[in-house]
Amino acid sequence: MEKKWFVVYTRPNQELRVAKELSAIGITNYCPTTTIVKQYSDRRKKVIRPLLSSYVMVQLEENQRDQVFSCSGIIRYLFFLGKPAVVPAYEIDLMQDHLNGVYNDIKVTTFIVGQSHTITEGPFSGISGRVVQSDKTKVKLQLASLGMSITLKKQAA
């Protein structure tokens, strides 16, 4: 059976502790974090905070889902349409790359207004759009699947 990424809902402010406990019992997990600088009256301090409040992703086989409840702080699984929510592995990879600052630029020689283009790298990887506007430095794509337009900066080849 193949392992899938599930999302568990935790008690407030328990995400990092739950992730540490899950790692201790051998369950692969991911709790995306960000570092912020807090200003106190007498000092400034860097604090690591979870990016997604009350959520931790765990990688398990379907029949092993009950193992996570041996950790205190976990309330339940996140459900979508009556089934436990499953996050595709490529989305976890994209999130990790984005938070680590790994970006690869799109390199195409010409864009023609009206042509379809599929983004091959970066946070919008795999999404197709229609070229709406193109000039020397930028390309504007209309992404119908997301209901939005994005502007991409062209790189010199």
C-alpha atoms as a PDB file:
ATOM      1  CA  MET A   1       0.000   0.000   0.000  1.00  0.00           C
ATOM      2  CA  GLU A   2       1.283   3.472  -0.830  1.00  0.00           C
ATOM      3  CA  LYS A   3       1.893   6.241   1.674  1.00  0.00           C
ATOM      4  CA  LYS A   4      -0.206   9.408   1.392  1.00  0.00           C
ATOM      5  CA  TRP A   5       0.039  12.826   2.993  1.00  0.00           C
ATOM      6  CA  PHE A   6      -2.840  13.464   5.399  1.00  0.00           C
ATOM      7  CA  VAL A   7      -3.555  16.602   7.428  1.00  0.00           C
ATOM      8  CA  VAL A   8      -4.098  16.415  11.190  1.00  0.00           C
ATOM      9  CA  TYR A   9      -5.756  19.156  13.213  1.00  0.00           C
ATOM     10  CA  THR A  10      -3.974  20.014  16.465  1.00  0.00           C
ATOM     11  CA  ARG A  11      -4.753  21.964  19.596  1.00  0.00           C
ATOM     12  CA  PRO A  12      -3.851  25.664  19.290  1.00  0.00           C
ATOM     13  CA  ASN A  13      -0.113  26.418  19.502  1.00  0.00           C
ATOM     14  CA  GLN A  14       0.774  22.708  19.669  1.00  0.00           C
ATOM     15  CA  GLU A  15       1.912  22.231  16.051  1.00  0.00           C
ATOM     16  CA  LEU A  16       5.682  22.168  16.650  1.00  0.00           C
ATOM     17  CA  ARG A  17       5.392  19.950  19.724  1.00  0.00           C
ATOM     18  CA  VAL A  18       3.127  17.521  17.845  1.00  0.00           C
ATOM     19  CA  ALA A  19       5.571  17.418  14.901  1.00  0.00           C
ATOM     20  CA  LYS A  20       8.443  16.641  17.273  1.00  0.00           C
ATOM     21  CA  GLU A  21       6.436  13.889  19.000  1.00  0.00           C
ATOM     22  CA  LEU A  22       5.418  12.363  15.648  1.00  0.00           C
ATOM     23  CA  SER A  23       9.072  12.284  14.559  1.00  0.00           C
ATOM     24  CA  ALA A  24      10.016  10.606  17.853  1.00  0.00           C
ATOM     25  CA  ILE A  25       7.633   7.701  17.171  1.00  0.00           C
ATOM     26  CA  GLY A  26       8.813   7.367  13.552  1.00  0.00           C
ATOM     27  CA  ILE A  27       5.986   9.037  11.635  1.00  0.00           C
ATOM     28  CA  THR A  28       7.072  11.204   8.703  1.00  0.00           C
ATOM     29  CA  ASN A  29       5.550  14.649   9.120  1.00  0.00           C
ATOM     30  CA  TYR A  30       5.830  18.199   7.825  1.00  0.00           C
ATOM     31  CA  CYS A  31       4.971  21.364   9.717  1.00  0.00           C
ATOM     32  CA  PRO A  32       5.923  24.377   7.563  1.00  0.00           C
ATOM     33  CA  THR A  33       7.425  27.163   9.663  1.00  0.00           C
ATOM     34  CA  THR A  34       8.490  30.768   9.287  1.00  0.00           C
ATOM     35  CA  THR A  35      10.822  32.862  11.404  1.00  0.00           C
ATOM     36  CA  ILE A  36       9.546  36.209  12.625  1.00  0.00           C
ATOM     37  CA  VAL A  37      11.217  38.878  14.725  1.00  0.00           C
ATOM     38  CA  LYS A  38       9.197  39.821  17.810  1.00  0.00           C
ATOM     39  CA  GLN A  39       9.798  43.196  19.404  1.00  0.00           C
ATOM     40  CA  TYR A  40       9.657  43.201  23.184  1.00  0.00           C
ATOM     41  CA  SER A  41      10.088  46.283  25.353  1.00  0.00           C
ATOM     42  CA  ASP A  42      13.715  45.416  26.129  1.00  0.00           C
ATOM     43  CA  ARG A  43      14.847  43.244  23.184  1.00  0.00           C
ATOM     44  CA  ARG A  44      14.134  41.736  19.785  1.00  0.00           C
ATOM     45  CA  LYS A  45      13.845  37.972  19.444  1.00  0.00           C
ATOM     46  CA  LYS A  46      13.598  35.594  16.467  1.00  0.00           C
ATOM     47  CA  VAL A  47      10.684  33.197  16.930  1.00  0.00           C
ATOM     48  CA  ILE A  48       9.849  30.150  14.812  1.00  0.00           C
ATOM     49  CA  ARG A  49       6.109  30.018  14.116  1.00  0.00           C
ATOM     50  CA  PRO A  50       4.027  27.457  12.179  1.00  0.00           C
ATOM     51  CA  LEU A  51       2.867  28.748   8.816  1.00  0.00           C
ATOM     52  CA  LEU A  52      -0.452  26.862   9.022  1.00  0.00           C
ATOM     53  CA  SER A  53      -2.135  27.343  12.394  1.00  0.00           C
ATOM     54  CA  SER A  54      -3.277  24.074  13.995  1.00  0.00           C
ATOM     55  CA  TYR A  55      -2.254  21.841  11.047  1.00  0.00           C
ATOM     56  CA  VAL A  56       0.505  19.261  10.594  1.00  0.00           C
ATOM     57  CA  MET A  57       0.878  17.025   7.522  1.00  0.00           C
ATOM     58  CA  VAL A  58       1.677  13.340   8.120  1.00  0.00           C
ATOM     59  CA  GLN A  59       2.746  10.689   5.617  1.00  0.00           C
ATOM     60  CA  LEU A  60       1.163   7.312   6.323  1.00  0.00           C
ATOM     61  CA  GLU A  61      -0.507   4.368   4.704  1.00  0.00           C
ATOM     62  CA  GLU A  62      -4.305   4.410   4.935  1.00  0.00           C
ATOM     63  CA  ASN A  63      -4.406   1.544   7.464  1.00  0.00           C
ATOM     64  CA  GLN A  64      -1.898   3.276   9.797  1.00  0.00           C
ATOM     65  CA  ARG A  65      -3.897   6.471  10.334  1.00  0.00           C
ATOM     66  CA  ASP A  66      -4.789   5.636  13.959  1.00  0.00           C
ATOM     67  CA  GLN A  67      -1.109   5.698  15.009  1.00  0.00           C
ATOM     68  CA  VAL A  68      -1.057   9.512  15.191  1.00  0.00           C
ATOM     69  CA  PHE A  69      -3.494   9.558  18.094  1.00  0.00           C
ATOM     70  CA  SER A  70      -0.785   8.194  20.400  1.00  0.00           C
ATOM     71  CA  CYS A  71       0.540  11.784  20.424  1.00  0.00           C
ATOM     72  CA  SER A  72      -1.177  14.241  22.718  1.00  0.00           C
ATOM     73  CA  GLY A  73      -2.282  17.462  21.063  1.00  0.00           C
ATOM     74  CA  ILE A  74      -3.840  15.899  17.967  1.00  0.00           C
ATOM     75  CA  ILE A  75      -7.596  16.407  17.800  1.00  0.00           C
ATOM     76  CA  ARG A  76      -8.629  14.810  14.496  1.00  0.00           C
ATOM     77  CA  TYR A  77      -7.908  14.464  10.806  1.00  0.00           C
ATOM     78  CA  LEU A  78      -8.967  17.183   8.396  1.00  0.00           C
ATOM     79  CA  PHE A  79     -11.780  15.901   6.160  1.00  0.00           C
ATOM     80  CA  PHE A  80     -12.808  16.909   2.635  1.00  0.00           C
ATOM     81  CA  LEU A  81     -16.054  15.614   1.121  1.00  0.00           C
ATOM     82  CA  GLY A  82     -16.499  13.097   3.935  1.00  0.00           C
ATOM     83  CA  LYS A  83     -13.045  11.511   3.542  1.00  0.00           C
ATOM     84  CA  PRO A  84      -9.708  12.336   5.172  1.00  0.00           C
ATOM     85  CA  ALA A  85      -8.061  15.121   3.159  1.00  0.00           C
ATOM     86  CA  VAL A  86      -5.098  13.886   1.103  1.00  0.00           C
ATOM     87  CA  VAL A  87      -2.447  16.364  -0.029  1.00  0.00           C
ATOM     88  CA  PRO A  88      -0.606  15.376  -3.227  1.00  0.00           C
ATOM     89  CA  ALA A  89       3.130  14.813  -2.645  1.00  0.00           C
ATOM     90  CA  TYR A  90       4.073  17.355  -5.322  1.00  0.00           C
ATOM     91  CA  GLU A  91       2.240  20.087  -3.367  1.00  0.00           C
ATOM     92  CA  ILE A  92       4.268  19.255  -0.251  1.00  0.00           C
ATOM     93  CA  ASP A  93       7.432  19.420  -2.383  1.00  0.00           C
ATOM     94  CA  LEU A  94       6.359  22.769  -3.860  1.00  0.00           C
ATOM     95  CA  MET A  95       5.689  24.159  -0.381  1.00  0.00           C
ATOM     96  CA  GLN A  96       9.096  22.983   0.851  1.00  0.00           C
ATOM     97  CA  ASP A  97      10.850  24.462  -2.198  1.00  0.00           C
ATOM     98  CA  HIS A  98       8.997  27.745  -1.838  1.00  0.00           C
ATOM     99  CA  LEU A  99       9.853  28.075   1.855  1.00  0.00           C
ATOM    100  CA  ASN A 100      13.499  27.189   1.144  1.00  0.00           C
ATOM    101  CA  GLY A 101      13.657  29.839  -1.591  1.00  0.00           C
ATOM    102  CA  VAL A 102      14.188  27.389  -4.466  1.00  0.00           C
ATOM    103  CA  TYR A 103      12.882  28.905  -7.696  1.00  0.00           C
ATOM    104  CA  ASN A 104      13.728  28.119 -11.281  1.00  0.00           C
ATOM    105  CA  ASP A 105      12.834  30.699 -13.892  1.00  0.00           C
ATOM    106  CA  ILE A 106      10.821  30.019 -17.016  1.00  0.00           C
ATOM    107  CA  LYS A 107      12.926  30.405 -20.165  1.00  0.00           C
ATOM    108  CA  VAL A 108      11.028  30.772 -23.446  1.00  0.00           C
ATOM    109  CA  THR A 109      12.184  32.710 -26.486  1.00  0.00           C
ATOM    110  CA  THR A 110       8.887  34.139 -27.778  1.00  0.00           C
ATOM    111  CA  PHE A 111       5.365  34.537 -26.473  1.00  0.00           C
ATOM    112  CA  ILE A 112       2.499  35.199 -28.864  1.00  0.00           C
ATOM    113  CA  VAL A 113      -0.652  36.857 -27.533  1.00  0.00           C
ATOM    114  CA  GLY A 114      -3.461  34.292 -27.508  1.00  0.00           C
ATOM    115  CA  GLN A 115      -1.206  31.223 -27.410  1.00  0.00           C
ATOM    116  CA  SER A 116      -1.475  28.720 -24.585  1.00  0.00           C
ATOM    117  CA  HIS A 117       1.500  28.234 -22.258  1.00  0.00           C
ATOM    118  CA  THR A 118       2.087  25.714 -19.465  1.00  0.00           C
ATOM    119  CA  ILE A 119       4.259  26.855 -16.568  1.00  0.00           C
ATOM    120  CA  THR A 120       6.953  24.235 -16.008  1.00  0.00           C
ATOM    121  CA  GLU A 121       8.648  25.421 -12.808  1.00  0.00           C
ATOM    122  CA  GLY A 122       7.970  27.357  -9.621  1.00  0.00           C
ATOM    123  CA  PRO A 123       4.895  27.658  -7.423  1.00  0.00           C
ATOM    124  CA  PHE A 124       2.470  27.562 -10.398  1.00  0.00           C
ATOM    125  CA  SER A 125       4.156  24.556 -12.026  1.00  0.00           C
ATOM    126  CA  GLY A 126       1.851  22.501 -14.253  1.00  0.00           C
ATOM    127  CA  ILE A 127      -0.802  25.202 -14.628  1.00  0.00           C
ATOM    128  CA  SER A 128      -1.736  26.302 -18.147  1.00  0.00           C
ATOM    129  CA  GLY A 129      -2.686  29.797 -19.126  1.00  0.00           C
ATOM    130  CA  ARG A 130      -3.324  32.000 -22.127  1.00  0.00           C
ATOM    131  CA  VAL A 131      -0.863  34.770 -22.998  1.00  0.00           C
ATOM    132  CA  VAL A 132      -2.763  38.048 -22.637  1.00  0.00           C
ATOM    133  CA  GLN A 133       0.088  40.530 -22.920  1.00  0.00           C
ATOM    134  CA  SER A 134       3.774  40.311 -23.782  1.00  0.00           C
ATOM    135  CA  ASP A 135       6.543  42.906 -23.900  1.00  0.00           C
ATOM    136  CA  LYS A 136      10.350  42.928 -23.610  1.00  0.00           C
ATOM    137  CA  THR A 137      10.503  42.212 -19.877  1.00  0.00           C
ATOM    138  CA  LYS A 138       7.148  40.734 -18.814  1.00  0.00           C
ATOM    139  CA  VAL A 139       4.464  38.259 -19.863  1.00  0.00           C
ATOM    140  CA  LYS A 140       0.925  38.316 -18.493  1.00  0.00           C
ATOM    141  CA  LEU A 141      -0.844  34.942 -18.345  1.00  0.00           C
ATOM    142  CA  GLN A 142      -4.541  34.440 -17.703  1.00  0.00           C
ATOM    143  CA  LEU A 143      -4.991  31.284 -15.599  1.00  0.00           C
ATOM    144  CA  ALA A 144      -8.601  30.215 -16.128  1.00  0.00           C
ATOM    145  CA  SER A 145      -8.298  27.240 -13.758  1.00  0.00           C
ATOM    146  CA  LEU A 146      -7.437  29.580 -10.860  1.00  0.00           C
ATOM    147  CA  GLY A 147      -9.592  32.492 -12.020  1.00  0.00           C
ATOM    148  CA  MET A 148      -6.698  34.948 -12.026  1.00  0.00           C
ATOM    149  CA  SER A 149      -3.931  36.517 -14.069  1.00  0.00           C
ATOM    150  CA  ILE A 150      -0.229  36.518 -13.214  1.00  0.00           C
ATOM    151  CA  THR A 151       2.688  38.513 -14.562  1.00  0.00           C
ATOM    152  CA  LEU A 152       5.943  36.670 -15.169  1.00  0.00           C
ATOM    153  CA  LYS A 153       9.290  38.428 -15.517  1.00  0.00           C
ATOM    154  CA  LYS A 154      11.327  37.333 -18.538  1.00  0.00           C
ATOM    155  CA  GLN A 155      14.947  36.313 -17.967  1.00  0.00           C
ATOM    156  CA  ALA A 156      17.759  36.780 -20.440  1.00  0.00           C
ATOM    157  CA  ALA A 157      18.763  33.435 -21.914  1.00  0.00           C
END
